[in-house]
Amino acid sequence: MRPILLVALGGNALIRKGQTGTVGEQFENLRVPVAQIARLSKKFRLIITHGNGPQVGHLLLQQECCAEVPRLPLEILVAQTQGQIGYMIESTLDNELTSLEGEHQKMIVTVLTYVLVDEDDPGFVTPTKPIGPVLSEDCAAGLSYPTLTTPRGRRRVVASPRPVTIIEKREIARLISMGFIVIACGGGGIPVIRHGRAFQGVDAVIDKDLASAKLAEEVGADLLIIATDVEGAALSYDTAEEKFLRRLSIDEGESYLRQGFFPPGSMGPKIEAALQFIKSGGSRAVICSIDSIEKAVAGNAGTEIER
């Protein structure tokens, strides 16, 4: 059997810095990573995960601008973007496979995915994840939900609990074994808690990379690629002392995290996810740029986490 590769696409796979995020821009941007994924499908069974921050932000802004329409909870917006972005990846991948193989026979499916979190997770006590549009101070003062001052201004803030398990892991594993290319865990998944035997959605955002690592672990993936907008992890990033890390041991990664070299809002969760995957038994984990996914798989780009 071909090994299983999970590619976690960052938000810049669809919307680049300085862009407004039109549908045309997003389709054009997707061609870069998806063309690489299409070529990798000859050697690997594939899972694709993705971020959804800008897309959820746009939906929240639309809700703020239209008071006549009932507002939707965050879990529903995450579900909407899973369908939206899943469609965009599917159609782009279908086109790329066709250009490679002509009348290709590969099967592609998007799985609406929800992810169990612990209702006692510390993240619910102190929400830290900013979402949605920038708010005026007057508007923020009258809201029923918490807000936080960010570099962009005042924004809504929600919990970011850690993923406990991927609810659809068995279905995803079965689809992979049947030969499907699976798109799953969009935006980190729809966060749910368990009440008895039932699930209930919660207002939260699960980190996409941590959810991807959990899915990779639970379906037995061999390789995890976390694709983002930089070439890999670096110490003292964006300073005169910046040092790119080509390889990183588990002990080094954990030490650098404790020392604060990898900020929680950017590289931190990616390092955590890669470490989690390797410690759970995964063979390889690489953090790389969107443009160098194939090179990272070949061992020629990115930051690779080693045992």
C-alpha atoms as a PDB file:
ATOM      1  CA  MET A   1       0.000   0.000   0.000  1.00  0.00           C
ATOM      2  CA  ARG A   2       1.177   3.518  -0.723  1.00  0.00           C
ATOM      3  CA  PRO A   3       2.051   5.542   2.410  1.00  0.00           C
ATOM      4  CA  ILE A   4      -0.451   8.092   3.734  1.00  0.00           C
ATOM      5  CA  LEU A   5       0.471  11.777   3.405  1.00  0.00           C
ATOM      6  CA  LEU A   6      -1.507  14.492   5.205  1.00  0.00           C
ATOM      7  CA  VAL A   7      -1.001  18.033   3.856  1.00  0.00           C
ATOM      8  CA  ALA A   8      -2.239  20.831   6.123  1.00  0.00           C
ATOM      9  CA  LEU A   9      -2.724  23.978   4.034  1.00  0.00           C
ATOM     10  CA  GLY A  10      -2.442  27.332   5.779  1.00  0.00           C
ATOM     11  CA  GLY A  11      -4.779  30.243   5.117  1.00  0.00           C
ATOM     12  CA  ASN A  12      -2.367  31.777   2.597  1.00  0.00           C
ATOM     13  CA  ALA A  13      -3.059  28.825   0.298  1.00  0.00           C
ATOM     14  CA  LEU A  14      -6.265  30.658  -0.597  1.00  0.00           C
ATOM     15  CA  ILE A  15      -5.689  34.322   0.279  1.00  0.00           C
ATOM     16  CA  ARG A  16      -2.263  35.959   0.036  1.00  0.00           C
ATOM     17  CA  LYS A  17      -1.161  39.021   1.979  1.00  0.00           C
ATOM     18  CA  GLY A  18      -2.526  42.215   0.462  1.00  0.00           C
ATOM     19  CA  GLN A  19      -5.372  40.492  -1.389  1.00  0.00           C
ATOM     20  CA  THR A  20      -9.061  41.112  -0.774  1.00  0.00           C
ATOM     21  CA  GLY A  21      -9.971  37.440  -1.046  1.00  0.00           C
ATOM     22  CA  THR A  22     -12.133  37.341  -4.154  1.00  0.00           C
ATOM     23  CA  VAL A  23     -13.195  33.924  -5.398  1.00  0.00           C
ATOM     24  CA  GLY A  24     -10.976  34.387  -8.438  1.00  0.00           C
ATOM     25  CA  GLU A  25      -7.949  35.115  -6.256  1.00  0.00           C
ATOM     26  CA  GLN A  26      -8.606  32.085  -4.088  1.00  0.00           C
ATOM     27  CA  PHE A  27      -8.927  29.709  -7.044  1.00  0.00           C
ATOM     28  CA  GLU A  28      -5.741  31.082  -8.598  1.00  0.00           C
ATOM     29  CA  ASN A  29      -3.801  30.786  -5.319  1.00  0.00           C
ATOM     30  CA  LEU A  30      -4.936  27.196  -4.805  1.00  0.00           C
ATOM     31  CA  ARG A  31      -3.308  26.083  -8.040  1.00  0.00           C
ATOM     32  CA  VAL A  32       0.198  26.330  -6.515  1.00  0.00           C
ATOM     33  CA  PRO A  33      -0.249  23.819  -3.654  1.00  0.00           C
ATOM     34  CA  VAL A  34      -2.878  21.689  -5.384  1.00  0.00           C
ATOM     35  CA  ALA A  35      -0.753  21.120  -8.507  1.00  0.00           C
ATOM     36  CA  GLN A  36       1.940  19.698  -6.211  1.00  0.00           C
ATOM     37  CA  ILE A  37      -0.610  17.556  -4.372  1.00  0.00           C
ATOM     38  CA  ALA A  38      -1.870  16.199  -7.696  1.00  0.00           C
ATOM     39  CA  ARG A  39       1.637  15.034  -8.608  1.00  0.00           C
ATOM     40  CA  LEU A  40       2.157  13.543  -5.131  1.00  0.00           C
ATOM     41  CA  SER A  41      -1.029  11.487  -5.517  1.00  0.00           C
ATOM     42  CA  LYS A  42       0.928   9.067  -7.714  1.00  0.00           C
ATOM     43  CA  LYS A  43       3.046   8.019  -4.722  1.00  0.00           C
ATOM     44  CA  PHE A  44       0.817   8.652  -1.701  1.00  0.00           C
ATOM     45  CA  ARG A  45      -2.667   8.170  -0.356  1.00  0.00           C
ATOM     46  CA  LEU A  46      -3.708  11.697   0.483  1.00  0.00           C
ATOM     47  CA  ILE A  47      -5.550  13.700   3.125  1.00  0.00           C
ATOM     48  CA  ILE A  48      -5.853  17.473   2.786  1.00  0.00           C
ATOM     49  CA  THR A  49      -6.747  19.780   5.669  1.00  0.00           C
ATOM     50  CA  HIS A  50      -7.004  23.564   5.509  1.00  0.00           C
ATOM     51  CA  GLY A  51      -7.484  26.790   7.424  1.00  0.00           C
ATOM     52  CA  ASN A  52     -10.561  29.000   7.179  1.00  0.00           C
ATOM     53  CA  GLY A  53      -9.790  32.133   9.204  1.00  0.00           C
ATOM     54  CA  PRO A  54     -10.325  34.752   6.462  1.00  0.00           C
ATOM     55  CA  GLN A  55     -13.449  33.023   5.157  1.00  0.00           C
ATOM     56  CA  VAL A  56     -15.092  32.831   8.597  1.00  0.00           C
ATOM     57  CA  GLY A  57     -14.078  36.443   9.164  1.00  0.00           C
ATOM     58  CA  HIS A  58     -15.875  37.467   5.971  1.00  0.00           C
ATOM     59  CA  LEU A  59     -19.037  35.629   7.047  1.00  0.00           C
ATOM     60  CA  LEU A  60     -18.940  37.301  10.468  1.00  0.00           C
ATOM     61  CA  LEU A  61     -18.538  40.694   8.806  1.00  0.00           C
ATOM     62  CA  GLN A  62     -21.500  39.985   6.529  1.00  0.00           C
ATOM     63  CA  GLN A  63     -23.581  39.144   9.592  1.00  0.00           C
ATOM     64  CA  GLU A  64     -22.596  42.425  11.255  1.00  0.00           C
ATOM     65  CA  CYS A  65     -23.695  44.324   8.139  1.00  0.00           C
ATOM     66  CA  CYS A  66     -27.154  42.733   7.870  1.00  0.00           C
ATOM     67  CA  ALA A  67     -29.175  42.999  11.070  1.00  0.00           C
ATOM     68  CA  GLU A  68     -32.360  41.697   9.396  1.00  0.00           C
ATOM     69  CA  VAL A  69     -30.961  38.183   8.955  1.00  0.00           C
ATOM     70  CA  PRO A  70     -30.664  35.925  12.042  1.00  0.00           C
ATOM     71  CA  ARG A  71     -27.052  35.514  13.116  1.00  0.00           C
ATOM     72  CA  LEU A  72     -25.507  32.072  12.892  1.00  0.00           C
ATOM     73  CA  PRO A  73     -23.335  30.549  15.627  1.00  0.00           C
ATOM     74  CA  LEU A  74     -19.651  30.039  14.963  1.00  0.00           C
ATOM     75  CA  GLU A  75     -19.970  26.242  14.597  1.00  0.00           C
ATOM     76  CA  ILE A  76     -22.373  26.750  11.645  1.00  0.00           C
ATOM     77  CA  LEU A  77     -20.003  29.219   9.986  1.00  0.00           C
ATOM     78  CA  VAL A  78     -17.160  26.700  10.299  1.00  0.00           C
ATOM     79  CA  ALA A  79     -19.384  24.062   8.692  1.00  0.00           C
ATOM     80  CA  GLN A  80     -20.230  26.466   5.859  1.00  0.00           C
ATOM     81  CA  THR A  81     -16.570  27.160   5.130  1.00  0.00           C
ATOM     82  CA  GLN A  82     -15.737  23.447   5.196  1.00  0.00           C
ATOM     83  CA  GLY A  83     -18.163  23.008   2.303  1.00  0.00           C
ATOM     84  CA  GLN A  84     -17.051  26.175   0.536  1.00  0.00           C
ATOM     85  CA  ILE A  85     -13.314  25.525   0.663  1.00  0.00           C
ATOM     86  CA  GLY A  86     -13.755  21.779   0.170  1.00  0.00           C
ATOM     87  CA  TYR A  87     -15.519  22.495  -3.111  1.00  0.00           C
ATOM     88  CA  MET A  88     -12.755  24.866  -4.209  1.00  0.00           C
ATOM     89  CA  ILE A  89     -10.004  22.350  -3.417  1.00  0.00           C
ATOM     90  CA  GLU A  90     -11.928  19.481  -5.047  1.00  0.00           C
ATOM     91  CA  SER A  91     -12.562  21.328  -8.284  1.00  0.00           C
ATOM     92  CA  THR A  92      -8.994  22.669  -8.484  1.00  0.00           C
ATOM     93  CA  LEU A  93      -7.551  19.219  -7.774  1.00  0.00           C
ATOM     94  CA  ASP A  94      -9.832  17.620 -10.363  1.00  0.00           C
ATOM     95  CA  ASN A  95      -8.572  20.103 -12.973  1.00  0.00           C
ATOM     96  CA  GLU A  96      -4.923  19.530 -12.047  1.00  0.00           C
ATOM     97  CA  LEU A  97      -5.307  15.742 -12.165  1.00  0.00           C
ATOM     98  CA  THR A  98      -6.998  16.019 -15.550  1.00  0.00           C
ATOM     99  CA  SER A  99      -4.123  18.127 -16.900  1.00  0.00           C
ATOM    100  CA  LEU A 100      -1.671  15.462 -15.656  1.00  0.00           C
ATOM    101  CA  GLU A 101      -3.485  12.302 -16.608  1.00  0.00           C
ATOM    102  CA  GLY A 102      -6.249  13.222 -19.008  1.00  0.00           C
ATOM    103  CA  GLU A 103      -9.360  11.222 -18.024  1.00  0.00           C
ATOM    104  CA  HIS A 104      -8.166  10.531 -14.471  1.00  0.00           C
ATOM    105  CA  GLN A 105      -9.792   7.903 -12.258  1.00  0.00           C
ATOM    106  CA  LYS A 106      -9.014   9.313  -8.808  1.00  0.00           C
ATOM    107  CA  MET A 107     -11.906   9.815  -6.393  1.00  0.00           C
ATOM    108  CA  ILE A 108     -12.058  12.991  -4.276  1.00  0.00           C
ATOM    109  CA  VAL A 109     -14.384  13.654  -1.347  1.00  0.00           C
ATOM    110  CA  THR A 110     -14.850  16.382   1.269  1.00  0.00           C
ATOM    111  CA  VAL A 111     -15.880  15.159   4.717  1.00  0.00           C
ATOM    112  CA  LEU A 112     -17.793  17.528   6.976  1.00  0.00           C
ATOM    113  CA  THR A 113     -15.739  16.980  10.115  1.00  0.00           C
ATOM    114  CA  TYR A 114     -16.382  17.747  13.742  1.00  0.00           C
ATOM    115  CA  VAL A 115     -13.846  17.465  16.511  1.00  0.00           C
ATOM    116  CA  LEU A 116     -14.414  16.612  20.151  1.00  0.00           C
ATOM    117  CA  VAL A 117     -13.037  19.038  22.728  1.00  0.00           C
ATOM    118  CA  ASP A 118     -13.119  18.916  26.524  1.00  0.00           C
ATOM    119  CA  GLU A 119     -15.682  21.291  28.020  1.00  0.00           C
ATOM    120  CA  ASP A 120     -13.278  21.701  30.972  1.00  0.00           C
ATOM    121  CA  ASP A 121     -10.404  22.734  28.695  1.00  0.00           C
ATOM    122  CA  PRO A 122      -8.591  25.776  30.194  1.00  0.00           C
ATOM    123  CA  GLY A 123      -9.127  27.573  26.896  1.00  0.00           C
ATOM    124  CA  PHE A 124     -12.785  28.112  27.791  1.00  0.00           C
ATOM    125  CA  VAL A 125     -11.816  29.934  30.997  1.00  0.00           C
ATOM    126  CA  THR A 126      -9.584  32.452  29.217  1.00  0.00           C
ATOM    127  CA  PRO A 127     -10.536  32.848  25.527  1.00  0.00           C
ATOM    128  CA  THR A 128      -7.569  33.984  23.430  1.00  0.00           C
ATOM    129  CA  LYS A 129      -8.455  33.503  19.749  1.00  0.00           C
ATOM    130  CA  PRO A 130      -9.496  36.738  17.968  1.00  0.00           C
ATOM    131  CA  ILE A 131     -12.005  36.308  15.140  1.00  0.00           C
ATOM    132  CA  GLY A 132     -14.188  38.456  12.926  1.00  0.00           C
ATOM    133  CA  PRO A 133     -14.053  42.159  12.055  1.00  0.00           C
ATOM    134  CA  VAL A 134     -12.455  45.017  13.991  1.00  0.00           C
ATOM    135  CA  LEU A 135     -15.034  46.649  16.296  1.00  0.00           C
ATOM    136  CA  SER A 136     -15.386  50.203  17.536  1.00  0.00           C
ATOM    137  CA  GLU A 137     -15.085  50.705  21.293  1.00  0.00           C
ATOM    138  CA  ASP A 138     -18.763  51.735  21.493  1.00  0.00           C
ATOM    139  CA  CYS A 139     -19.852  48.621  19.601  1.00  0.00           C
ATOM    140  CA  ALA A 140     -17.647  46.328  21.680  1.00  0.00           C
ATOM    141  CA  ALA A 141     -19.035  47.730  24.933  1.00  0.00           C
ATOM    142  CA  GLY A 142     -22.572  46.626  24.051  1.00  0.00           C
ATOM    143  CA  LEU A 143     -21.813  43.051  23.004  1.00  0.00           C
ATOM    144  CA  SER A 144     -22.749  39.916  24.923  1.00  0.00           C
ATOM    145  CA  TYR A 145     -19.491  38.121  24.083  1.00  0.00           C
ATOM    146  CA  PRO A 146     -15.901  38.955  25.142  1.00  0.00           C
ATOM    147  CA  THR A 147     -13.559  41.088  23.050  1.00  0.00           C
ATOM    148  CA  LEU A 148      -9.813  41.654  23.029  1.00  0.00           C
ATOM    149  CA  THR A 149      -7.548  44.475  21.895  1.00  0.00           C
ATOM    150  CA  THR A 150      -5.320  43.200  19.077  1.00  0.00           C
ATOM    151  CA  PRO A 151      -2.759  44.947  16.828  1.00  0.00           C
ATOM    152  CA  ARG A 152      -5.609  45.459  14.342  1.00  0.00           C
ATOM    153  CA  GLY A 153      -8.044  46.839  16.945  1.00  0.00           C
ATOM    154  CA  ARG A 154     -10.857  45.524  19.138  1.00  0.00           C
ATOM    155  CA  ARG A 155     -12.102  42.076  18.039  1.00  0.00           C
ATOM    156  CA  ARG A 156     -14.299  39.285  19.304  1.00  0.00           C
ATOM    157  CA  VAL A 157     -12.370  36.575  21.152  1.00  0.00           C
ATOM    158  CA  VAL A 158     -13.286  32.899  21.547  1.00  0.00           C
ATOM    159  CA  ALA A 159     -11.802  29.823  23.176  1.00  0.00           C
ATOM    160  CA  SER A 160      -9.244  27.677  21.364  1.00  0.00           C
ATOM    161  CA  PRO A 161      -9.430  24.270  23.086  1.00  0.00           C
ATOM    162  CA  ARG A 162      -7.162  21.385  22.146  1.00  0.00           C
ATOM    163  CA  PRO A 163      -8.636  18.599  19.990  1.00  0.00           C
ATOM    164  CA  VAL A 164      -9.381  15.369  21.851  1.00  0.00           C
ATOM    165  CA  THR A 165     -10.404  13.180  18.911  1.00  0.00           C
ATOM    166  CA  ILE A 166     -11.681  13.465  15.335  1.00  0.00           C
ATOM    167  CA  ILE A 167     -15.263  12.156  15.328  1.00  0.00           C
ATOM    168  CA  GLU A 168     -15.183  10.959  11.700  1.00  0.00           C
ATOM    169  CA  LYS A 169     -11.769   9.270  11.940  1.00  0.00           C
ATOM    170  CA  ARG A 170     -13.178   5.812  11.114  1.00  0.00           C
ATOM    171  CA  GLU A 171     -15.028   7.071   8.049  1.00  0.00           C
ATOM    172  CA  ILE A 172     -11.933   8.962   6.844  1.00  0.00           C
ATOM    173  CA  ALA A 173      -9.708   5.895   7.342  1.00  0.00           C
ATOM    174  CA  ARG A 174     -12.189   3.759   5.378  1.00  0.00           C
ATOM    175  CA  LEU A 175     -12.301   6.267   2.521  1.00  0.00           C
ATOM    176  CA  ILE A 176      -8.500   6.359   2.338  1.00  0.00           C
ATOM    177  CA  SER A 177      -8.373   2.560   2.184  1.00  0.00           C
ATOM    178  CA  MET A 178     -10.863   2.695  -0.693  1.00  0.00           C
ATOM    179  CA  GLY A 179      -8.600   5.024  -2.676  1.00  0.00           C
ATOM    180  CA  PHE A 180     -10.280   8.380  -2.066  1.00  0.00           C
ATOM    181  CA  ILE A 181      -8.347  11.621  -1.710  1.00  0.00           C
ATOM    182  CA  VAL A 182      -9.985  13.036   1.418  1.00  0.00           C
ATOM    183  CA  ILE A 183     -10.426  16.704   2.355  1.00  0.00           C
ATOM    184  CA  ALA A 184     -11.245  16.955   6.065  1.00  0.00           C
ATOM    185  CA  CYS A 185     -10.894  18.931   9.319  1.00  0.00           C
ATOM    186  CA  GLY A 186     -11.426  22.253   7.554  1.00  0.00           C
ATOM    187  CA  GLY A 187     -10.673  25.166   9.863  1.00  0.00           C
ATOM    188  CA  GLY A 188      -9.640  22.756  12.610  1.00  0.00           C
ATOM    189  CA  GLY A 189     -13.018  21.037  12.498  1.00  0.00           C
ATOM    190  CA  ILE A 190     -16.407  21.909  13.984  1.00  0.00           C
ATOM    191  CA  PRO A 191     -15.821  21.978  17.779  1.00  0.00           C
ATOM    192  CA  VAL A 192     -18.244  19.850  19.795  1.00  0.00           C
ATOM    193  CA  ILE A 193     -18.545  18.645  23.375  1.00  0.00           C
ATOM    194  CA  ARG A 194     -20.228  15.457  24.474  1.00  0.00           C
ATOM    195  CA  HIS A 195     -23.380  15.445  26.608  1.00  0.00           C
ATOM    196  CA  GLY A 196     -24.153  11.839  27.404  1.00  0.00           C
ATOM    197  CA  ARG A 197     -24.251  10.132  24.001  1.00  0.00           C
ATOM    198  CA  ALA A 198     -25.028  13.342  22.120  1.00  0.00           C
ATOM    199  CA  PHE A 199     -22.768  16.063  20.732  1.00  0.00           C
ATOM    200  CA  GLN A 200     -23.275  19.801  21.109  1.00  0.00           C
ATOM    201  CA  GLY A 201     -21.485  22.498  19.114  1.00  0.00           C
ATOM    202  CA  VAL A 202     -19.630  25.229  21.001  1.00  0.00           C
ATOM    203  CA  ASP A 203     -18.362  28.708  20.168  1.00  0.00           C
ATOM    204  CA  ALA A 204     -14.664  27.982  19.755  1.00  0.00           C
ATOM    205  CA  VAL A 205     -11.900  27.709  17.179  1.00  0.00           C
ATOM    206  CA  ILE A 206      -9.658  24.636  17.130  1.00  0.00           C
ATOM    207  CA  ASP A 207      -6.157  25.184  15.833  1.00  0.00           C
ATOM    208  CA  LYS A 208      -5.983  23.710  12.336  1.00  0.00           C
ATOM    209  CA  ASP A 209      -2.500  22.269  12.725  1.00  0.00           C
ATOM    210  CA  LEU A 210      -3.214  20.566  16.065  1.00  0.00           C
ATOM    211  CA  ALA A 211      -6.392  19.049  14.604  1.00  0.00           C
ATOM    212  CA  SER A 212      -4.444  17.914  11.531  1.00  0.00           C
ATOM    213  CA  ALA A 213      -1.829  16.216  13.710  1.00  0.00           C
ATOM    214  CA  LYS A 214      -4.576  14.475  15.699  1.00  0.00           C
ATOM    215  CA  LEU A 215      -6.226  13.242  12.493  1.00  0.00           C
ATOM    216  CA  ALA A 216      -2.866  12.083  11.097  1.00  0.00           C
ATOM    217  CA  GLU A 217      -2.253  10.155  14.308  1.00  0.00           C
ATOM    218  CA  GLU A 218      -5.706   8.556  14.401  1.00  0.00           C
ATOM    219  CA  VAL A 219      -5.729   7.357  10.781  1.00  0.00           C
ATOM    220  CA  GLY A 220      -2.120   6.155  10.826  1.00  0.00           C
ATOM    221  CA  ALA A 221      -0.587   8.700   8.445  1.00  0.00           C
ATOM    222  CA  ASP A 222       3.102   8.253   7.655  1.00  0.00           C
ATOM    223  CA  LEU A 223       3.987  11.839   6.792  1.00  0.00           C
ATOM    224  CA  LEU A 224       2.621  15.206   7.961  1.00  0.00           C
ATOM    225  CA  ILE A 225       3.348  18.329   5.910  1.00  0.00           C
ATOM    226  CA  ILE A 226       2.337  21.677   7.447  1.00  0.00           C
ATOM    227  CA  ALA A 227       2.412  24.247   4.641  1.00  0.00           C
ATOM    228  CA  THR A 228       2.484  27.927   5.569  1.00  0.00           C
ATOM    229  CA  ASP A 229       3.740  31.334   4.355  1.00  0.00           C
ATOM    230  CA  VAL A 230       7.373  30.969   5.501  1.00  0.00           C
ATOM    231  CA  GLU A 231      10.072  28.472   4.544  1.00  0.00           C
ATOM    232  CA  GLY A 232      10.039  26.817   7.968  1.00  0.00           C
ATOM    233  CA  ALA A 233      10.742  27.442  11.640  1.00  0.00           C
ATOM    234  CA  ALA A 234      13.365  29.966  12.706  1.00  0.00           C
ATOM    235  CA  LEU A 235      14.879  31.233  15.935  1.00  0.00           C
ATOM    236  CA  SER A 236      14.583  35.003  16.496  1.00  0.00           C
ATOM    237  CA  TYR A 237      12.304  35.240  13.450  1.00  0.00           C
ATOM    238  CA  ASP A 238      12.285  38.539  11.537  1.00  0.00           C
ATOM    239  CA  THR A 239      15.284  39.944  13.415  1.00  0.00           C
ATOM    240  CA  ALA A 240      18.956  40.403  12.568  1.00  0.00           C
ATOM    241  CA  GLU A 241      19.678  37.205  14.550  1.00  0.00           C
ATOM    242  CA  GLU A 242      17.179  35.063  12.611  1.00  0.00           C
ATOM    243  CA  LYS A 243      18.367  31.474  12.204  1.00  0.00           C
ATOM    244  CA  PHE A 244      16.458  29.029  10.006  1.00  0.00           C
ATOM    245  CA  LEU A 245      16.177  25.517  11.439  1.00  0.00           C
ATOM    246  CA  ARG A 246      16.550  22.776   8.842  1.00  0.00           C
ATOM    247  CA  ARG A 247      16.195  19.948  11.358  1.00  0.00           C
ATOM    248  CA  LEU A 248      14.818  19.920  14.873  1.00  0.00           C
ATOM    249  CA  SER A 249      14.827  17.142  17.450  1.00  0.00           C
ATOM    250  CA  ILE A 250      11.900  16.580  19.809  1.00  0.00           C
ATOM    251  CA  ASP A 251      13.964  17.785  22.768  1.00  0.00           C
ATOM    252  CA  GLU A 252      15.111  20.907  20.905  1.00  0.00           C
ATOM    253  CA  GLY A 253      11.583  21.714  19.758  1.00  0.00           C
ATOM    254  CA  GLU A 254      10.155  21.417  23.259  1.00  0.00           C
ATOM    255  CA  SER A 255      12.995  23.493  24.686  1.00  0.00           C
ATOM    256  CA  TYR A 256      12.561  26.283  22.132  1.00  0.00           C
ATOM    257  CA  LEU A 257       8.807  26.327  22.802  1.00  0.00           C
ATOM    258  CA  ARG A 258       9.423  26.771  26.539  1.00  0.00           C
ATOM    259  CA  GLN A 259      11.861  29.583  25.817  1.00  0.00           C
ATOM    260  CA  GLY A 260       9.255  31.416  23.723  1.00  0.00           C
ATOM    261  CA  PHE A 261      11.028  31.263  20.359  1.00  0.00           C
ATOM    262  CA  PHE A 262       7.829  30.128  18.629  1.00  0.00           C
ATOM    263  CA  PRO A 263       4.884  32.494  19.322  1.00  0.00           C
ATOM    264  CA  PRO A 264       1.513  30.897  20.190  1.00  0.00           C
ATOM    265  CA  GLY A 265      -0.295  32.774  17.432  1.00  0.00           C
ATOM    266  CA  SER A 266       1.962  31.714  14.569  1.00  0.00           C
ATOM    267  CA  MET A 267       4.749  29.103  14.577  1.00  0.00           C
ATOM    268  CA  GLY A 268       4.026  27.723  18.071  1.00  0.00           C
ATOM    269  CA  PRO A 269       1.026  25.513  17.175  1.00  0.00           C
ATOM    270  CA  LYS A 270       2.819  24.221  14.069  1.00  0.00           C
ATOM    271  CA  ILE A 271       5.808  23.080  16.125  1.00  0.00           C
ATOM    272  CA  GLU A 272       3.460  21.586  18.734  1.00  0.00           C
ATOM    273  CA  ALA A 273       1.525  19.724  16.034  1.00  0.00           C
ATOM    274  CA  ALA A 274       4.675  18.339  14.410  1.00  0.00           C
ATOM    275  CA  LEU A 275       6.061  17.220  17.782  1.00  0.00           C
ATOM    276  CA  GLN A 276       2.731  15.628  18.723  1.00  0.00           C
ATOM    277  CA  PHE A 277       2.627  13.657  15.470  1.00  0.00           C
ATOM    278  CA  ILE A 278       6.180  12.327  15.780  1.00  0.00           C
ATOM    279  CA  LYS A 279       5.742  11.396  19.458  1.00  0.00           C
ATOM    280  CA  SER A 280       2.547   9.507  18.580  1.00  0.00           C
ATOM    281  CA  GLY A 281       4.449   7.283  16.132  1.00  0.00           C
ATOM    282  CA  GLY A 282       4.441   9.252  12.873  1.00  0.00           C
ATOM    283  CA  SER A 283       7.437   8.751  10.599  1.00  0.00           C
ATOM    284  CA  ARG A 284       8.087  12.316   9.419  1.00  0.00           C
ATOM    285  CA  ALA A 285       6.768  15.834  10.034  1.00  0.00           C
ATOM    286  CA  VAL A 286       7.882  18.875   8.025  1.00  0.00           C
ATOM    287  CA  ILE A 287       6.929  22.557   8.234  1.00  0.00           C
ATOM    288  CA  CYS A 288       7.469  24.279   4.886  1.00  0.00           C
ATOM    289  CA  SER A 289       6.223  26.986   2.549  1.00  0.00           C
ATOM    290  CA  ILE A 290       3.192  26.557   0.318  1.00  0.00           C
ATOM    291  CA  ASP A 291       5.496  26.694  -2.703  1.00  0.00           C
ATOM    292  CA  SER A 292       7.804  23.867  -1.563  1.00  0.00           C
ATOM    293  CA  ILE A 293       5.497  20.996  -0.573  1.00  0.00           C
ATOM    294  CA  GLU A 294       7.051  18.550  -3.041  1.00  0.00           C
ATOM    295  CA  LYS A 295      10.578  19.522  -2.016  1.00  0.00           C
ATOM    296  CA  ALA A 296       9.658  19.044   1.651  1.00  0.00           C
ATOM    297  CA  VAL A 297       8.296  15.568   0.929  1.00  0.00           C
ATOM    298  CA  ALA A 298      11.575  14.749  -0.853  1.00  0.00           C
ATOM    299  CA  GLY A 299      13.542  15.994   2.169  1.00  0.00           C
ATOM    300  CA  ASN A 300      14.929  19.089   0.460  1.00  0.00           C
ATOM    301  CA  ALA A 301      12.990  21.947   2.085  1.00  0.00           C
ATOM    302  CA  GLY A 302      11.375  23.081   5.305  1.00  0.00           C
ATOM    303  CA  THR A 303      12.006  22.266   8.953  1.00  0.00           C
ATOM    304  CA  GLU A 304      11.907  18.543   9.660  1.00  0.00           C
ATOM    305  CA  ILE A 305      11.136  17.240  13.142  1.00  0.00           C
ATOM    306  CA  GLU A 306      13.309  14.261  14.055  1.00  0.00           C
ATOM    307  CA  ARG A 307      13.034  11.699  16.826  1.00  0.00           C
END
